[in-house]
Protein backbone atom coordinates (compact mmCIF):
# COMPACT_ATOMS: atom_id res chain seq x y z
CA UNK A 1 -47.59 -4.26 -9.42
CA UNK A 2 -51.10 -3.01 -9.82
CA UNK A 3 -52.34 -0.96 -12.76
CA UNK A 4 -54.21 2.13 -11.59
CA UNK A 5 -57.15 3.86 -13.27
CA UNK A 6 -54.86 6.50 -14.82
CA UNK A 7 -52.78 3.72 -16.54
CA UNK A 8 -49.87 4.14 -14.14
CA UNK A 9 -48.59 1.32 -11.95
CA UNK A 10 -48.23 0.94 -8.20
CA UNK A 11 -45.60 -1.43 -6.73
CA UNK A 12 -47.30 -3.69 -4.18
CA UNK A 13 -44.29 -5.69 -3.03
CA UNK A 14 -40.60 -6.05 -3.80
CA UNK A 15 -37.79 -8.43 -2.96
CA UNK A 16 -34.04 -8.12 -2.60
CA UNK A 17 -32.04 -10.55 -4.75
CA UNK A 18 -28.90 -9.92 -2.64
CA UNK A 19 -26.74 -9.75 -5.76
CA UNK A 20 -26.01 -7.54 -8.75
CA UNK A 21 -26.21 -10.53 -11.09
CA UNK A 22 -29.89 -11.45 -11.35
CA UNK A 23 -31.59 -11.96 -14.70
CA UNK A 24 -35.28 -12.46 -15.29
CA UNK A 25 -38.31 -12.29 -17.50
CA UNK A 26 -42.06 -12.21 -17.25
CA UNK A 27 -43.53 -15.20 -19.04
CA UNK A 28 -47.32 -15.31 -19.15
CA UNK A 29 -48.40 -15.07 -15.51
CA UNK A 30 -44.97 -15.70 -13.97
CA UNK A 31 -41.88 -13.72 -13.08
CA UNK A 32 -38.88 -16.05 -13.37
CA UNK A 33 -35.32 -15.02 -12.56
CA UNK A 34 -31.88 -16.54 -12.16
CA UNK A 35 -29.93 -15.60 -9.04
CA UNK A 36 -26.25 -16.01 -9.87
CA UNK A 37 -25.13 -15.85 -6.22
CA UNK A 38 -27.32 -18.77 -5.10
CA UNK A 39 -27.18 -20.55 -8.49
CA UNK A 40 -30.91 -21.13 -8.68
CA UNK A 41 -34.11 -19.98 -10.38
CA UNK A 42 -36.97 -18.41 -8.49
CA UNK A 43 -40.48 -17.90 -9.82
CA UNK A 44 -43.45 -15.86 -8.68
CA UNK A 45 -47.00 -16.04 -9.96
CA UNK A 46 -48.50 -12.74 -11.13
CA UNK A 47 -52.19 -12.20 -10.44
CA UNK A 48 -54.27 -9.95 -12.70
CA UNK A 49 -57.58 -8.35 -11.79
């Protein structure tokens, strides 16, 4: 996501978890989530301007 000048957000990219049972959190500069179908964690680094 990118924060715009009017304090709204624009989604830059998205991903499909392929399941209805995904749980996650943003921790510092990372999005971490558990995918129950594949039984694994995935993490993505978040970049700020």
